[in-house]
C-alpha cells in the first residue's frame, strides 16, 4: 500500500462544550482560584484565571453543580490560560 494513500482512522473525541462561566477551583492547599471556564468536557477543562493562575502540574479540585468533586492536574499554561485534565473516573 502506498504511504501517501493511507488515511488514519480518526480517534473519536468527546465534544467539548463552550462554556464561558465564572467558577472557583481549589488548590491542594485549600486556596481558591477564581477562573472563567472556556470549555469543559468529562476529561477536563480549559480556563482563564481571574487572578494568579495555578502552576503547571498543580493538583486542583472542582465542585460541580451536582455536588460531585473532581480532582485534576494542570497540564498546560500560557499566561493566565491553562488546561486541567480530570482524574480518570472523575
N, C-alpha and C. Protein backbone atom coordinates (compact mmCIF):
# COMPACT_ATOMS: atom_id res chain seq x y z
N UNK A 1 0.84 -1.18 0.00
CA UNK A 1 0.00 0.00 0.00
C UNK A 1 0.88 1.24 0.00
N UNK A 2 0.54 2.21 -0.81
CA UNK A 2 1.30 3.45 -0.86
C UNK A 2 1.05 4.28 0.39
N UNK A 3 2.14 4.79 0.97
CA UNK A 3 2.02 5.59 2.19
C UNK A 3 1.19 6.84 1.97
N UNK A 4 1.25 7.43 0.78
CA UNK A 4 0.51 8.67 0.54
C UNK A 4 -1.00 8.42 0.44
N UNK A 5 -1.43 7.17 0.29
CA UNK A 5 -2.86 6.87 0.22
C UNK A 5 -3.43 6.47 1.59
N UNK A 6 -2.56 6.27 2.56
CA UNK A 6 -3.01 5.87 3.89
C UNK A 6 -3.71 7.03 4.59
N UNK A 7 -4.90 6.77 5.11
CA UNK A 7 -5.63 7.76 5.89
C UNK A 7 -5.95 7.14 7.25
N UNK A 8 -5.35 7.65 8.32
CA UNK A 8 -5.60 7.06 9.64
C UNK A 8 -7.06 7.24 10.05
N UNK A 9 -7.54 6.27 10.79
CA UNK A 9 -8.89 6.36 11.33
C UNK A 9 -8.87 7.41 12.44
N UNK A 10 -9.74 8.38 12.37
CA UNK A 10 -9.73 9.41 13.43
C UNK A 10 -10.14 8.81 14.77
N UNK A 11 -9.47 9.23 15.81
CA UNK A 11 -9.82 8.80 17.15
C UNK A 11 -11.00 9.65 17.60
N UNK A 12 -12.14 9.02 17.88
CA UNK A 12 -13.30 9.82 18.30
C UNK A 12 -12.98 10.55 19.60
N UNK A 13 -13.35 11.79 19.65
CA UNK A 13 -13.09 12.61 20.82
C UNK A 13 -14.41 13.23 21.27
N UNK A 14 -14.63 13.17 22.57
CA UNK A 14 -15.85 13.74 23.11
C UNK A 14 -15.95 15.21 22.72
N UNK A 15 -17.12 15.61 22.36
CA UNK A 15 -17.35 17.01 22.01
C UNK A 15 -17.22 17.87 23.25
N UNK A 16 -16.44 18.93 23.13
CA UNK A 16 -16.30 19.87 24.24
C UNK A 16 -17.37 20.92 24.12
N UNK A 17 -17.87 21.35 25.25
CA UNK A 17 -18.89 22.40 25.24
C UNK A 17 -18.24 23.72 25.57
N UNK A 18 -18.50 24.70 24.72
CA UNK A 18 -18.07 26.06 25.05
C UNK A 18 -18.92 26.48 26.24
N UNK A 19 -18.27 26.99 27.24
CA UNK A 19 -19.00 27.26 28.48
C UNK A 19 -18.30 28.40 29.21
N UNK A 20 -18.57 29.62 28.82
CA UNK A 20 -17.95 30.76 29.48
C UNK A 20 -18.73 31.04 30.76
N UNK A 21 -18.13 30.71 31.88
CA UNK A 21 -18.81 30.89 33.17
C UNK A 21 -17.77 31.11 34.26
N UNK A 22 -18.15 31.90 35.26
CA UNK A 22 -17.30 32.14 36.41
C UNK A 22 -17.35 30.90 37.28
N UNK A 23 -16.20 30.50 37.82
CA UNK A 23 -16.11 29.25 38.57
C UNK A 23 -14.95 29.39 39.55
N UNK A 24 -14.94 28.59 40.58
CA UNK A 24 -13.84 28.61 41.55
C UNK A 24 -13.27 27.20 41.68
N UNK A 25 -11.95 27.09 41.46
CA UNK A 25 -11.23 25.85 41.73
C UNK A 25 -10.57 26.00 43.10
N UNK A 26 -10.17 24.89 43.67
CA UNK A 26 -9.43 24.91 44.93
C UNK A 26 -8.12 24.16 44.70
N UNK A 27 -7.00 24.73 45.16
CA UNK A 27 -5.73 24.02 45.01
C UNK A 27 -5.55 23.04 46.16
N UNK A 28 -4.48 22.28 46.15
CA UNK A 28 -4.24 21.24 47.15
C UNK A 28 -4.10 21.81 48.56
N UNK A 29 -3.72 23.09 48.68
CA UNK A 29 -3.58 23.73 49.99
C UNK A 29 -4.89 24.36 50.46
N UNK A 30 -5.95 24.25 49.65
CA UNK A 30 -7.26 24.79 50.04
C UNK A 30 -7.51 26.22 49.61
N UNK A 31 -6.58 26.81 48.85
CA UNK A 31 -6.77 28.19 48.36
C UNK A 31 -7.70 28.20 47.16
N UNK A 32 -8.56 29.23 47.08
CA UNK A 32 -9.48 29.39 45.97
C UNK A 32 -8.77 30.02 44.78
N UNK A 33 -9.10 29.54 43.58
CA UNK A 33 -8.57 30.09 42.34
C UNK A 33 -9.77 30.46 41.48
N UNK A 34 -10.04 31.76 41.33
CA UNK A 34 -11.17 32.20 40.52
C UNK A 34 -10.81 32.09 39.05
N UNK A 35 -11.73 31.49 38.28
CA UNK A 35 -11.47 31.26 36.85
C UNK A 35 -12.71 31.56 36.03
N UNK A 36 -12.50 31.71 34.74
CA UNK A 36 -13.57 31.74 33.75
C UNK A 36 -13.35 30.51 32.88
N UNK A 37 -14.32 29.60 32.87
CA UNK A 37 -14.21 28.39 32.07
C UNK A 37 -14.43 28.73 30.61
N UNK A 38 -13.53 28.27 29.74
CA UNK A 38 -13.64 28.49 28.30
C UNK A 38 -14.35 27.32 27.63
N UNK A 39 -13.96 26.11 27.98
CA UNK A 39 -14.69 24.91 27.54
C UNK A 39 -14.44 23.79 28.53
N UNK A 40 -15.35 22.81 28.52
CA UNK A 40 -15.30 21.75 29.52
C UNK A 40 -15.83 20.46 28.91
N UNK A 41 -15.27 19.34 29.35
CA UNK A 41 -15.75 18.01 28.97
C UNK A 41 -15.59 17.12 30.19
N UNK A 42 -15.93 15.86 30.06
CA UNK A 42 -15.76 14.95 31.20
C UNK A 42 -14.29 14.65 31.47
N UNK A 43 -13.40 15.00 30.52
CA UNK A 43 -11.97 14.74 30.67
C UNK A 43 -11.18 15.92 31.22
N UNK A 44 -11.76 17.12 31.16
CA UNK A 44 -11.02 18.28 31.64
C UNK A 44 -11.66 19.58 31.26
N UNK A 45 -10.91 20.66 31.48
CA UNK A 45 -11.42 21.98 31.16
C UNK A 45 -10.29 22.88 30.71
N UNK A 46 -10.68 23.93 30.02
CA UNK A 46 -9.77 24.99 29.61
C UNK A 46 -10.32 26.25 30.25
N UNK A 47 -9.45 27.05 30.85
CA UNK A 47 -9.94 28.21 31.59
C UNK A 47 -8.94 29.36 31.56
N UNK A 48 -9.42 30.51 31.99
CA UNK A 48 -8.59 31.70 32.19
C UNK A 48 -8.70 32.09 33.65
N UNK A 49 -7.57 32.31 34.30
CA UNK A 49 -7.57 32.71 35.71
C UNK A 49 -7.94 34.18 35.82
N UNK A 50 -8.78 34.50 36.80
CA UNK A 50 -9.12 35.89 37.07
C UNK A 50 -7.93 36.58 37.75
N UNK A 51 -7.29 35.87 38.68
CA UNK A 51 -6.10 36.38 39.36
C UNK A 51 -4.89 35.56 38.95
N UNK A 52 -4.18 35.06 39.94
CA UNK A 52 -3.00 34.23 39.69
C UNK A 52 -3.42 32.84 39.23
N UNK A 53 -2.93 32.36 38.09
CA UNK A 53 -3.30 31.02 37.63
C UNK A 53 -2.57 29.93 38.42
N UNK A 54 -3.11 28.72 38.41
CA UNK A 54 -2.40 27.61 39.07
C UNK A 54 -1.14 27.26 38.29
N UNK A 55 -0.21 26.63 38.97
CA UNK A 55 1.07 26.25 38.36
C UNK A 55 0.93 24.97 37.55
N UNK A 56 1.81 24.80 36.59
CA UNK A 56 1.87 23.58 35.80
C UNK A 56 2.03 22.38 36.72
N UNK A 57 1.28 21.32 36.49
CA UNK A 57 1.28 20.07 37.27
C UNK A 57 0.69 20.22 38.67
N UNK A 58 0.07 21.35 38.98
CA UNK A 58 -0.57 21.53 40.28
C UNK A 58 -1.89 20.76 40.32
N UNK A 59 -2.18 20.14 41.44
CA UNK A 59 -3.46 19.45 41.64
C UNK A 59 -4.51 20.48 42.02
N UNK A 60 -5.67 20.39 41.38
CA UNK A 60 -6.79 21.30 41.69
C UNK A 60 -8.06 20.48 41.84
N UNK A 61 -9.03 21.07 42.53
CA UNK A 61 -10.31 20.41 42.78
C UNK A 61 -11.44 21.32 42.32
N UNK A 62 -12.46 20.73 41.72
CA UNK A 62 -13.64 21.48 41.30
C UNK A 62 -14.87 20.83 41.91
N UNK A 63 -15.77 21.65 42.42
CA UNK A 63 -17.06 21.14 42.91
C UNK A 63 -18.08 21.47 41.83
N UNK A 64 -18.68 20.42 41.28
CA UNK A 64 -19.62 20.58 40.19
C UNK A 64 -21.02 20.96 40.71
N UNK A 65 -21.86 21.43 39.80
CA UNK A 65 -23.21 21.85 40.18
C UNK A 65 -24.02 20.75 40.85
N UNK A 66 -23.74 19.49 40.47
CA UNK A 66 -24.49 18.37 41.06
C UNK A 66 -23.92 17.92 42.40
N UNK A 67 -22.91 18.65 42.93
CA UNK A 67 -22.34 18.35 44.24
C UNK A 67 -21.11 17.47 44.21
N UNK A 68 -20.82 16.83 43.06
CA UNK A 68 -19.63 16.00 42.96
C UNK A 68 -18.37 16.85 42.99
N UNK A 69 -17.30 16.25 43.50
CA UNK A 69 -15.98 16.88 43.45
C UNK A 69 -15.11 16.09 42.50
N UNK A 70 -14.38 16.79 41.65
CA UNK A 70 -13.42 16.13 40.77
C UNK A 70 -12.06 16.78 40.97
N UNK A 71 -11.04 15.94 40.94
CA UNK A 71 -9.66 16.40 41.04
C UNK A 71 -9.03 16.32 39.67
N UNK A 72 -8.07 17.19 39.44
CA UNK A 72 -7.35 17.16 38.18
C UNK A 72 -5.98 17.76 38.32
N UNK A 73 -5.20 17.66 37.25
CA UNK A 73 -3.86 18.24 37.20
C UNK A 73 -3.80 19.29 36.11
N UNK A 74 -3.11 20.39 36.39
CA UNK A 74 -2.89 21.42 35.38
C UNK A 74 -1.87 20.86 34.39
N UNK A 75 -2.29 20.70 33.14
CA UNK A 75 -1.45 20.05 32.12
C UNK A 75 -0.74 21.05 31.22
N UNK A 76 -1.27 22.28 31.09
CA UNK A 76 -0.60 23.30 30.28
C UNK A 76 -0.98 24.68 30.82
N UNK A 77 -0.09 25.61 30.60
CA UNK A 77 -0.33 27.01 30.98
C UNK A 77 0.21 27.91 29.89
N UNK A 78 -0.44 29.05 29.73
CA UNK A 78 0.01 30.07 28.78
C UNK A 78 -0.51 31.41 29.30
N UNK A 79 0.34 32.10 30.07
CA UNK A 79 -0.12 33.33 30.73
C UNK A 79 -1.19 32.98 31.75
N UNK A 80 -2.36 33.60 31.63
CA UNK A 80 -3.46 33.31 32.55
C UNK A 80 -4.34 32.16 32.08
N UNK A 81 -4.06 31.63 30.87
CA UNK A 81 -4.82 30.50 30.35
C UNK A 81 -4.18 29.20 30.82
N UNK A 82 -5.01 28.18 31.05
CA UNK A 82 -4.49 26.89 31.47
C UNK A 82 -5.51 25.80 31.18
N UNK A 83 -5.05 24.56 31.20
CA UNK A 83 -5.91 23.40 30.99
C UNK A 83 -5.74 22.41 32.11
N UNK A 84 -6.85 21.81 32.52
CA UNK A 84 -6.85 20.82 33.59
C UNK A 84 -7.36 19.49 33.03
N UNK A 85 -6.63 18.42 33.30
CA UNK A 85 -7.08 17.08 32.96
C UNK A 85 -7.63 16.45 34.23
N UNK A 86 -8.92 16.05 34.21
CA UNK A 86 -9.53 15.43 35.37
C UNK A 86 -9.00 14.03 35.57
N UNK A 87 -8.99 13.57 36.83
CA UNK A 87 -8.56 12.21 37.10
C UNK A 87 -9.53 11.23 36.45
N UNK A 88 -9.04 10.07 36.07
CA UNK A 88 -9.87 9.06 35.44
C UNK A 88 -10.98 8.65 36.38
N UNK A 89 -12.19 8.55 35.86
CA UNK A 89 -13.33 8.18 36.68
C UNK A 89 -13.94 9.35 37.39
N UNK A 90 -13.37 10.57 37.20
CA UNK A 90 -13.87 11.76 37.86
C UNK A 90 -15.09 12.25 37.24
